[in-house]
Amino acid sequence: MKSRNESSNIQAMNPIRSFWTTINRHPWLTDTILTSALVGLAILSLFSSWEPGQKVSFLMAVFLTVMLTIPLILRRYFPLAVLIFMMFVEIYYRFLLIPENLYTAYALLFAVASAAALGSRRWRTWVIGAFILIEMIAIMLLAIVYPESGWARDTPLAQFLTYLLNLFLFGTAWWVGELFRSRREREADLKQRSEQLKIEREENAQRAVLDERVRIARELHDVVAHHVSVMGIQAGAARKVLNKQPDKANEALSTIEASSRQAISELHRLLGFLRPKNQVERVSPQPSLKYLDLLVNEIRNSGLPVEIRISGKEQTMSESIDLSAYRIIQEALTNILKHAGPAKATVTLKYSHDMIELDISDNGKGKITNNEKKPGGRGIIGMKERVSLHGGELETGNIPGGGFFVRAKLPLD
């Protein structure tokens, strides 16, 4: 964090930036100071050039000088109205031959620039164009009405050059105002885009968190539901044969032990992805179709006969698709184990050059009825989420004559 002295040094090294920052923060104060300075300088200029015998009194000239400059204090709020008002006062001012024409001209140029920078997009071009045209006509009329004036006594070339000078000054003020307008609009556009990007970043972050929560919930469901189901079935079998067939009970307990260890291993792997890299000691391999035989053997040991059929040439696939295919088969077999009753399951994998098709079916009692459903089941929902994640297709339903099937198509591209 910078100290106060360092901040002061930075401000001292950037006086121009500090000046513009102050102006942007206090526009009303800035306009008040600027307008007051112009009013004061115009009155001093009038006083220094005043001579007896003018068409109006000195006090009237001072009043008109103030009326020609003081409206600039409202230039940010009524830029076009200020320019129109100053135009009429300026024409009257010139026809009275009041000698001050320097600082009042500056005020007029500033009003033109303010109208270009701050005026209505619909009307500013018309108002500024009409102002310049009327000013040029007024200069010509002034020479006609008062031929004794200094400008009327100039040569035609000098008069033409004066015309060009006025056009150049008013045109430059108009151009400068347009530059400030473009800059302000560009800054406003950048600010709006920045705010929009900030909103989009927050929405993307929230969406990413939500997607990650869904993914974690899906993984936890697949891991916990499968292994806990296997352990529950094996525990029930061990309890029934514990006294009569201790060898089978011991075998069932061994399966429970293996399932619990595998569940812990997969949970450790899943949680390992959630920890910071410096806290991860070792992450277990990602489940994939390479370990399908281990999964099928575990299901077989739980009492469900499973047959595997593979057709087509095995294709290379991404880790995400490989994991999803494994989890779909795992969830489908777990559901068969839990709900199908005495049955036999068949797992079919069909490879093509751009897709893998999974078909898991059984010859059990079929789909669970509403009365048999237990609250909280999300197996099929999880399978649908995995398939839709990759733009695939999922179909589930009863098999005529008994049984239930799950068919999933996952594109490899």
Protein backbone atom coordinates (compact mmCIF):
# COMPACT_ATOMS: atom_id res chain seq x y z
CA MET A 1 0.00 0.00 0.00
CA LYS A 2 1.41 3.39 -0.99
CA SER A 3 2.23 5.88 1.75
CA ARG A 4 0.77 9.38 1.83
CA ASN A 5 4.10 10.90 0.75
CA GLU A 6 4.30 8.57 -2.26
CA SER A 7 0.76 9.56 -3.28
CA SER A 8 1.66 13.23 -2.99
CA ASN A 9 4.74 12.71 -5.14
CA ILE A 10 2.68 10.95 -7.80
CA GLN A 11 0.19 13.84 -7.84
CA ALA A 12 3.03 16.34 -8.08
CA MET A 13 4.49 14.44 -11.05
CA ASN A 14 1.12 14.49 -12.83
CA PRO A 15 -0.23 18.05 -12.41
CA ILE A 16 -2.18 17.92 -15.67
CA ARG A 17 -3.92 14.70 -14.69
CA SER A 18 -4.72 16.12 -11.25
CA PHE A 19 -6.08 19.29 -12.87
CA TRP A 20 -8.43 17.36 -15.17
CA THR A 21 -9.49 15.10 -12.30
CA THR A 22 -10.45 18.14 -10.25
CA ILE A 23 -12.42 19.59 -13.17
CA ASN A 24 -14.31 16.35 -13.70
CA ARG A 25 -15.12 16.04 -10.02
CA HIS A 26 -16.33 19.66 -9.58
CA PRO A 27 -17.88 20.85 -12.89
CA TRP A 28 -20.10 23.49 -11.26
CA LEU A 29 -17.19 25.04 -9.35
CA THR A 30 -15.02 24.97 -12.48
CA ASP A 31 -17.65 26.71 -14.60
CA THR A 32 -18.19 29.31 -11.89
CA ILE A 33 -14.49 30.16 -11.69
CA LEU A 34 -14.08 30.23 -15.48
CA THR A 35 -17.15 32.40 -16.02
CA SER A 36 -16.19 34.79 -13.22
CA ALA A 37 -12.72 35.19 -14.74
CA LEU A 38 -14.17 35.98 -18.18
CA VAL A 39 -16.65 38.47 -16.71
CA GLY A 40 -13.91 40.21 -14.75
CA LEU A 41 -11.49 40.36 -17.68
CA ALA A 42 -14.20 41.60 -20.05
CA ILE A 43 -15.14 44.44 -17.66
CA LEU A 44 -11.48 45.41 -17.22
CA SER A 45 -11.02 45.38 -21.01
CA LEU A 46 -14.15 47.52 -21.40
CA PHE A 47 -12.91 49.98 -18.78
CA SER A 48 -9.48 50.30 -20.43
CA SER A 49 -10.97 50.95 -23.88
CA TRP A 50 -13.90 53.15 -22.86
CA GLU A 51 -14.06 56.68 -24.28
CA PRO A 52 -16.63 59.41 -23.68
CA GLY A 53 -19.38 59.90 -26.24
CA GLN A 54 -20.47 56.27 -26.63
CA LYS A 55 -24.03 55.39 -27.65
CA VAL A 56 -24.78 53.94 -24.19
CA SER A 57 -23.69 54.73 -20.67
CA PHE A 58 -20.79 52.91 -19.09
CA LEU A 59 -23.09 51.16 -16.62
CA MET A 60 -25.29 49.92 -19.48
CA ALA A 61 -22.18 48.68 -21.30
CA VAL A 62 -21.04 46.85 -18.15
CA PHE A 63 -24.50 45.31 -17.77
CA LEU A 64 -24.51 44.06 -21.38
CA THR A 65 -20.94 42.77 -21.00
CA VAL A 66 -22.02 40.74 -17.97
CA MET A 67 -25.12 39.47 -19.81
CA LEU A 68 -22.89 38.37 -22.69
CA THR A 69 -20.55 36.31 -20.50
CA ILE A 70 -22.41 35.23 -17.35
CA PRO A 71 -24.70 32.65 -19.11
CA LEU A 72 -21.66 30.39 -19.54
CA ILE A 73 -22.19 29.29 -15.96
CA LEU A 74 -25.20 27.29 -17.25
CA ARG A 75 -23.49 25.88 -20.32
CA ARG A 76 -23.53 22.27 -19.06
CA TYR A 77 -27.26 22.31 -18.41
CA PHE A 78 -28.66 24.42 -21.29
CA PRO A 79 -25.87 24.58 -23.90
CA LEU A 80 -28.03 25.42 -26.92
CA ALA A 81 -30.23 27.92 -25.03
CA VAL A 82 -27.10 29.65 -23.69
CA LEU A 83 -25.67 29.96 -27.21
CA ILE A 84 -28.93 31.40 -28.62
CA PHE A 85 -29.26 33.91 -25.78
CA MET A 86 -25.63 35.02 -26.10
CA MET A 87 -26.04 35.40 -29.88
CA PHE A 88 -28.88 37.93 -29.54
CA VAL A 89 -27.08 39.83 -26.78
CA GLU A 90 -23.88 39.85 -28.85
CA ILE A 91 -25.64 41.25 -31.95
CA TYR A 92 -27.24 44.03 -29.87
CA TYR A 93 -23.87 44.56 -28.17
CA ARG A 94 -22.09 45.06 -31.53
CA PHE A 95 -24.72 47.39 -32.95
CA LEU A 96 -24.28 49.62 -29.92
CA LEU A 97 -20.57 49.81 -30.84
CA ILE A 98 -19.43 48.89 -27.34
CA PRO A 99 -15.63 48.82 -27.62
CA GLU A 100 -14.94 45.52 -25.76
CA ASN A 101 -14.65 42.71 -28.33
CA LEU A 102 -11.89 40.44 -27.05
CA TYR A 103 -13.06 38.53 -23.97
CA THR A 104 -16.67 38.63 -25.09
CA ALA A 105 -15.50 36.92 -28.31
CA TYR A 106 -13.75 34.29 -26.20
CA ALA A 107 -17.00 33.73 -24.31
CA LEU A 108 -18.87 33.31 -27.59
CA LEU A 109 -16.35 30.76 -28.90
CA PHE A 110 -16.58 28.87 -25.63
CA ALA A 111 -20.37 28.82 -25.95
CA VAL A 112 -20.08 27.36 -29.48
CA ALA A 113 -17.71 24.62 -28.25
CA SER A 114 -20.04 23.85 -25.31
CA ALA A 115 -23.05 23.59 -27.63
CA ALA A 116 -21.17 21.16 -29.88
CA ALA A 117 -19.93 19.08 -26.95
CA LEU A 118 -23.04 19.05 -24.77
CA GLY A 119 -25.97 19.99 -26.99
CA SER A 120 -28.78 17.74 -28.14
CA ARG A 121 -27.71 15.43 -30.96
CA ARG A 122 -30.88 16.33 -32.85
CA TRP A 123 -30.62 20.11 -32.68
CA ARG A 124 -27.00 21.11 -32.10
CA THR A 125 -25.95 21.11 -35.78
CA TRP A 126 -28.90 23.28 -36.78
CA VAL A 127 -28.43 25.72 -33.90
CA ILE A 128 -24.66 26.13 -34.38
CA GLY A 129 -25.01 26.42 -38.16
CA ALA A 130 -27.75 29.07 -37.78
CA PHE A 131 -25.62 30.92 -35.22
CA ILE A 132 -22.62 31.15 -37.57
CA LEU A 133 -24.82 32.24 -40.49
CA ILE A 134 -26.55 34.96 -38.43
CA GLU A 135 -23.19 36.18 -37.11
CA MET A 136 -21.83 36.54 -40.63
CA ILE A 137 -24.95 38.44 -41.75
CA ALA A 138 -24.71 40.68 -38.68
CA ILE A 139 -21.13 41.60 -39.57
CA MET A 140 -22.24 42.69 -43.05
CA LEU A 141 -25.22 44.65 -41.68
CA LEU A 142 -22.95 46.36 -39.19
CA ALA A 143 -20.84 47.72 -42.05
CA ILE A 144 -23.97 48.94 -43.84
CA VAL A 145 -25.60 50.58 -40.82
CA TYR A 146 -22.40 52.11 -39.46
CA PRO A 147 -20.11 52.87 -42.42
CA GLU A 148 -17.92 54.90 -40.08
CA SER A 149 -16.96 51.79 -38.11
CA GLY A 150 -13.39 50.55 -38.36
CA TRP A 151 -14.33 47.28 -40.09
CA ALA A 152 -16.36 49.13 -42.78
CA ARG A 153 -13.38 51.31 -43.62
CA ASP A 154 -11.17 48.27 -44.35
CA THR A 155 -10.31 47.23 -47.88
CA PRO A 156 -12.42 44.48 -49.51
CA LEU A 157 -9.51 42.06 -49.11
CA ALA A 158 -9.22 42.90 -45.40
CA GLN A 159 -12.98 42.45 -44.99
CA PHE A 160 -12.81 39.07 -46.77
CA LEU A 161 -9.96 37.95 -44.54
CA THR A 162 -11.96 39.04 -41.49
CA TYR A 163 -14.83 36.90 -42.70
CA LEU A 164 -12.49 33.93 -43.14
CA LEU A 165 -11.01 34.49 -39.69
CA ASN A 166 -14.45 34.47 -38.05
CA LEU A 167 -15.46 31.36 -39.95
CA PHE A 168 -12.20 29.68 -38.96
CA LEU A 169 -12.60 30.56 -35.26
CA PHE A 170 -16.22 29.47 -35.06
CA GLY A 171 -15.49 26.33 -37.07
CA THR A 172 -12.53 25.48 -34.82
CA ALA A 173 -14.66 25.93 -31.70
CA TRP A 174 -17.30 23.66 -33.25
CA TRP A 175 -14.67 21.03 -34.09
CA VAL A 176 -13.14 21.14 -30.60
CA GLY A 177 -16.59 20.69 -29.08
CA GLU A 178 -17.22 17.66 -31.29
CA LEU A 179 -13.90 16.19 -30.20
CA PHE A 180 -14.86 16.51 -26.55
CA ARG A 181 -18.26 15.00 -27.30
CA SER A 182 -16.68 12.01 -29.05
CA ARG A 183 -14.27 11.52 -26.20
CA ARG A 184 -17.04 11.68 -23.59
CA GLU A 185 -19.23 9.24 -25.54
CA ARG A 186 -16.30 6.89 -26.00
CA GLU A 187 -15.53 6.97 -22.28
CA ALA A 188 -19.20 6.39 -21.46
CA ASP A 189 -19.27 3.46 -23.89
CA LEU A 190 -16.11 1.98 -22.39
CA LYS A 191 -17.55 2.39 -18.90
CA GLN A 192 -20.77 0.68 -19.96
CA ARG A 193 -18.85 -2.15 -21.59
CA SER A 194 -16.70 -2.51 -18.49
CA GLU A 195 -19.78 -2.75 -16.30
CA GLN A 196 -21.35 -5.23 -18.70
CA LEU A 197 -18.19 -7.35 -18.69
CA LYS A 198 -18.16 -7.23 -14.91
CA ILE A 199 -21.76 -8.44 -14.82
CA GLU A 200 -20.97 -11.18 -17.35
CA ARG A 201 -17.91 -12.26 -15.33
CA GLU A 202 -20.03 -12.52 -12.20
CA GLU A 203 -22.72 -14.46 -14.07
CA ASN A 204 -20.12 -16.79 -15.60
CA ALA A 205 -18.55 -17.30 -12.18
CA GLN A 206 -21.93 -18.14 -10.66
CA ARG A 207 -22.73 -20.43 -13.57
CA ALA A 208 -19.36 -22.15 -13.23
CA VAL A 209 -19.93 -22.65 -9.50
CA LEU A 210 -23.40 -24.05 -10.17
CA ASP A 211 -22.11 -26.39 -12.89
CA GLU A 212 -19.31 -27.53 -10.62
CA ARG A 213 -21.75 -28.18 -7.79
CA VAL A 214 -23.93 -30.26 -10.12
CA ARG A 215 -20.87 -32.18 -11.33
CA ILE A 216 -19.68 -32.85 -7.78
CA ALA A 217 -23.18 -33.89 -6.68
CA ARG A 218 -23.40 -36.25 -9.65
CA GLU A 219 -20.01 -37.79 -8.91
CA LEU A 220 -20.78 -38.18 -5.21
CA HIS A 221 -24.10 -39.79 -6.02
CA ASP A 222 -22.51 -42.26 -8.44
CA VAL A 223 -19.73 -43.18 -6.03
CA VAL A 224 -21.76 -43.38 -2.81
CA ALA A 225 -24.93 -44.91 -4.25
CA HIS A 226 -23.11 -47.71 -6.03
CA HIS A 227 -20.78 -48.80 -3.27
CA VAL A 228 -23.28 -48.35 -0.46
CA SER A 229 -25.83 -50.40 -2.42
CA VAL A 230 -23.28 -53.17 -2.92
CA MET A 231 -22.31 -53.12 0.75
CA GLY A 232 -25.96 -53.19 1.84
CA ILE A 233 -26.79 -56.21 -0.31
CA GLN A 234 -23.65 -58.07 0.79
CA ALA A 235 -24.32 -57.25 4.44
CA GLY A 236 -27.86 -58.63 4.13
CA ALA A 237 -26.57 -61.80 2.49
CA ALA A 238 -23.88 -62.23 5.17
CA ARG A 239 -26.44 -61.84 7.95
CA LYS A 240 -28.65 -64.59 6.47
CA VAL A 241 -25.86 -67.17 6.03
CA LEU A 242 -23.69 -66.17 8.99
CA ASN A 243 -24.61 -69.19 11.13
CA LYS A 244 -25.24 -71.81 8.43
CA GLN A 245 -22.57 -70.94 5.85
CA PRO A 246 -19.78 -68.97 7.55
CA ASP A 247 -17.55 -69.26 4.47
CA LYS A 248 -20.08 -67.43 2.29
CA ALA A 249 -20.62 -64.88 5.04
CA ASN A 250 -16.89 -64.30 5.19
CA GLU A 251 -16.82 -63.90 1.39
CA ALA A 252 -19.62 -61.32 1.58
CA LEU A 253 -17.79 -59.43 4.33
CA SER A 254 -14.66 -59.38 2.16
CA THR A 255 -16.68 -57.88 -0.67
CA ILE A 256 -18.04 -55.22 1.73
CA GLU A 257 -14.49 -54.43 2.81
CA ALA A 258 -13.31 -54.12 -0.80
CA SER A 259 -16.29 -51.93 -1.74
CA SER A 260 -15.73 -49.64 1.21
CA ARG A 261 -12.07 -49.22 0.33
CA GLN A 262 -12.90 -48.51 -3.29
CA ALA A 263 -15.54 -45.97 -2.23
CA ILE A 264 -13.01 -44.22 0.02
CA SER A 265 -10.47 -44.25 -2.81
CA GLU A 266 -12.89 -42.68 -5.27
CA LEU A 267 -14.02 -40.09 -2.71
CA HIS A 268 -10.38 -39.27 -2.05
CA ARG A 269 -9.84 -38.82 -5.79
CA LEU A 270 -12.90 -36.58 -6.12
CA LEU A 271 -12.00 -34.43 -3.14
CA GLY A 272 -8.44 -34.25 -4.40
CA PHE A 273 -9.63 -32.22 -7.38
CA LEU A 274 -11.28 -29.74 -5.01
CA ARG A 275 -8.22 -29.07 -2.87
CA PRO A 276 -5.47 -26.60 -3.81
CA LYS A 277 -2.62 -28.21 -5.69
CA ASN A 278 -0.19 -27.80 -2.80
CA GLN A 279 -2.54 -29.80 -0.53
CA VAL A 280 -3.01 -32.78 -2.85
CA GLU A 281 -0.71 -35.65 -1.96
CA ARG A 282 -1.94 -38.29 -4.35
CA VAL A 283 -4.99 -38.55 -6.56
CA SER A 284 -6.38 -41.96 -7.52
CA PRO A 285 -6.81 -42.78 -11.21
CA GLN A 286 -9.99 -41.57 -12.89
CA PRO A 287 -12.62 -44.33 -13.36
CA SER A 288 -12.89 -45.35 -17.01
CA LEU A 289 -13.99 -48.18 -19.24
CA LYS A 290 -10.56 -49.76 -18.71
CA TYR A 291 -11.80 -50.77 -15.26
CA LEU A 292 -15.16 -52.09 -16.47
CA ASP A 293 -14.18 -55.67 -15.67
CA LEU A 294 -13.50 -54.71 -12.04
CA LEU A 295 -16.90 -53.05 -11.82
CA VAL A 296 -18.65 -56.06 -13.36
CA ASN A 297 -16.83 -58.48 -11.04
CA GLU A 298 -17.94 -56.41 -8.05
CA ILE A 299 -21.55 -56.58 -9.23
CA ARG A 300 -21.26 -60.30 -9.87
CA ASN A 301 -19.89 -60.83 -6.36
CA SER A 302 -23.02 -59.05 -5.09
CA GLY A 303 -25.20 -61.73 -6.66
CA LEU A 304 -26.14 -60.26 -10.05
CA PRO A 305 -24.96 -62.21 -13.11
CA VAL A 306 -23.62 -59.78 -15.70
CA GLU A 307 -22.67 -60.45 -19.32
CA ILE A 308 -20.49 -58.06 -21.31
CA ARG A 309 -20.76 -57.72 -25.08
CA ILE A 310 -18.45 -55.49 -27.12
CA SER A 311 -18.76 -54.84 -30.84
CA GLY A 312 -16.75 -52.59 -33.14
CA LYS A 313 -13.22 -51.35 -32.85
CA GLU A 314 -12.40 -49.59 -29.60
CA GLN A 315 -11.96 -45.84 -30.23
CA THR A 316 -9.91 -43.20 -28.49
CA MET A 317 -12.13 -40.89 -26.44
CA SER A 318 -11.72 -37.99 -24.07
CA GLU A 319 -11.45 -38.56 -20.32
CA SER A 320 -14.79 -36.84 -19.79
CA ILE A 321 -16.67 -39.18 -22.17
CA ASP A 322 -14.80 -42.20 -20.81
CA LEU A 323 -15.78 -41.27 -17.25
CA SER A 324 -19.40 -40.59 -18.24
CA ALA A 325 -19.70 -43.96 -20.01
CA TYR A 326 -18.29 -45.74 -16.95
CA ARG A 327 -20.63 -43.89 -14.58
CA ILE A 328 -23.71 -44.61 -16.72
CA ILE A 329 -22.94 -48.34 -16.71
CA GLN A 330 -22.20 -48.22 -12.98
CA GLU A 331 -25.46 -46.44 -12.18
CA ALA A 332 -27.52 -48.72 -14.44
CA LEU A 333 -26.05 -51.89 -12.86
CA THR A 334 -26.53 -50.46 -9.38
CA ASN A 335 -30.20 -49.79 -10.13
CA ILE A 336 -30.60 -53.35 -11.44
CA LEU A 337 -28.95 -54.70 -8.31
CA LYS A 338 -31.25 -52.62 -6.08
CA HIS A 339 -34.59 -52.92 -7.88
CA ALA A 340 -34.71 -55.73 -10.46
CA GLY A 341 -34.94 -58.64 -8.04
CA PRO A 342 -33.66 -62.02 -9.28
CA ALA A 343 -32.36 -61.15 -12.72
CA LYS A 344 -29.50 -61.26 -15.18
CA ALA A 345 -27.91 -58.13 -16.64
CA THR A 346 -26.34 -57.56 -20.03
CA VAL A 347 -23.93 -54.73 -20.84
CA THR A 348 -23.38 -54.01 -24.52
CA LEU A 349 -20.76 -51.58 -25.84
CA LYS A 350 -20.93 -50.71 -29.52
CA TYR A 351 -18.11 -48.62 -30.99
CA SER A 352 -18.28 -46.67 -34.24
CA HIS A 353 -15.88 -44.11 -35.68
CA ASP A 354 -17.68 -41.16 -34.05
CA MET A 355 -19.85 -42.62 -31.30
CA ILE A 356 -20.07 -45.13 -28.50
CA GLU A 357 -23.43 -46.73 -27.72
CA LEU A 358 -24.19 -48.27 -24.32
CA ASP A 359 -27.02 -50.71 -23.71
CA ILE A 360 -27.58 -52.02 -20.18
CA SER A 361 -30.60 -54.28 -19.75
CA ASP A 362 -31.95 -56.93 -17.43
CA ASN A 363 -34.72 -59.52 -17.35
CA GLY A 364 -36.01 -58.60 -13.92
CA LYS A 365 -39.31 -57.12 -12.87
CA GLY A 366 -38.93 -53.89 -14.85
CA LYS A 367 -39.45 -50.27 -13.96
CA ILE A 368 -40.18 -49.33 -10.37
CA THR A 369 -43.73 -48.21 -9.70
CA ASN A 370 -44.49 -44.97 -7.90
CA ASN A 371 -45.38 -46.89 -4.76
CA GLU A 372 -41.98 -48.60 -4.75
CA LYS A 373 -39.93 -45.45 -5.36
CA LYS A 374 -37.89 -44.12 -2.50
CA PRO A 375 -37.43 -40.37 -2.04
CA GLY A 376 -34.12 -38.87 -3.17
CA GLY A 377 -33.39 -41.12 -6.14
CA ARG A 378 -31.39 -39.26 -8.76
CA GLY A 379 -29.77 -42.07 -10.75
CA ILE A 380 -31.56 -41.55 -14.08
CA ILE A 381 -31.36 -37.77 -13.65
CA GLY A 382 -27.59 -38.07 -13.25
CA MET A 383 -27.35 -40.23 -16.37
CA LYS A 384 -29.39 -37.68 -18.35
CA GLU A 385 -27.09 -34.89 -17.17
CA ARG A 386 -24.00 -36.79 -18.24
CA VAL A 387 -25.43 -37.59 -21.66
CA SER A 388 -26.70 -34.05 -22.31
CA LEU A 389 -23.34 -32.67 -21.25
CA HIS A 390 -21.80 -34.30 -24.33
CA GLY A 391 -24.75 -33.74 -26.67
CA GLY A 392 -25.75 -37.39 -26.64
CA GLU A 393 -29.02 -39.27 -26.32
CA LEU A 394 -30.49 -41.32 -23.47
CA GLU A 395 -33.43 -43.71 -23.60
CA THR A 396 -34.86 -45.75 -20.75
CA GLY A 397 -37.91 -47.96 -20.40
CA ASN A 398 -39.44 -51.34 -19.73
CA ILE A 399 -38.74 -54.42 -21.85
CA PRO A 400 -41.78 -56.40 -23.04
CA GLY A 401 -41.94 -59.60 -21.06
CA GLY A 402 -40.04 -58.18 -18.09
CA GLY A 403 -36.93 -56.18 -17.48
CA PHE A 404 -35.65 -52.65 -17.93
CA PHE A 405 -33.15 -51.07 -20.36
CA VAL A 406 -30.88 -48.03 -20.45
CA ARG A 407 -29.51 -46.94 -23.84
CA ALA A 408 -27.07 -44.10 -24.18
CA LYS A 409 -25.31 -42.64 -27.20
CA LEU A 410 -22.23 -40.54 -26.59
CA PRO A 411 -20.53 -38.81 -29.53
CA LEU A 412 -16.76 -39.18 -29.44
CA ASP A 413 -16.08 -35.86 -31.18
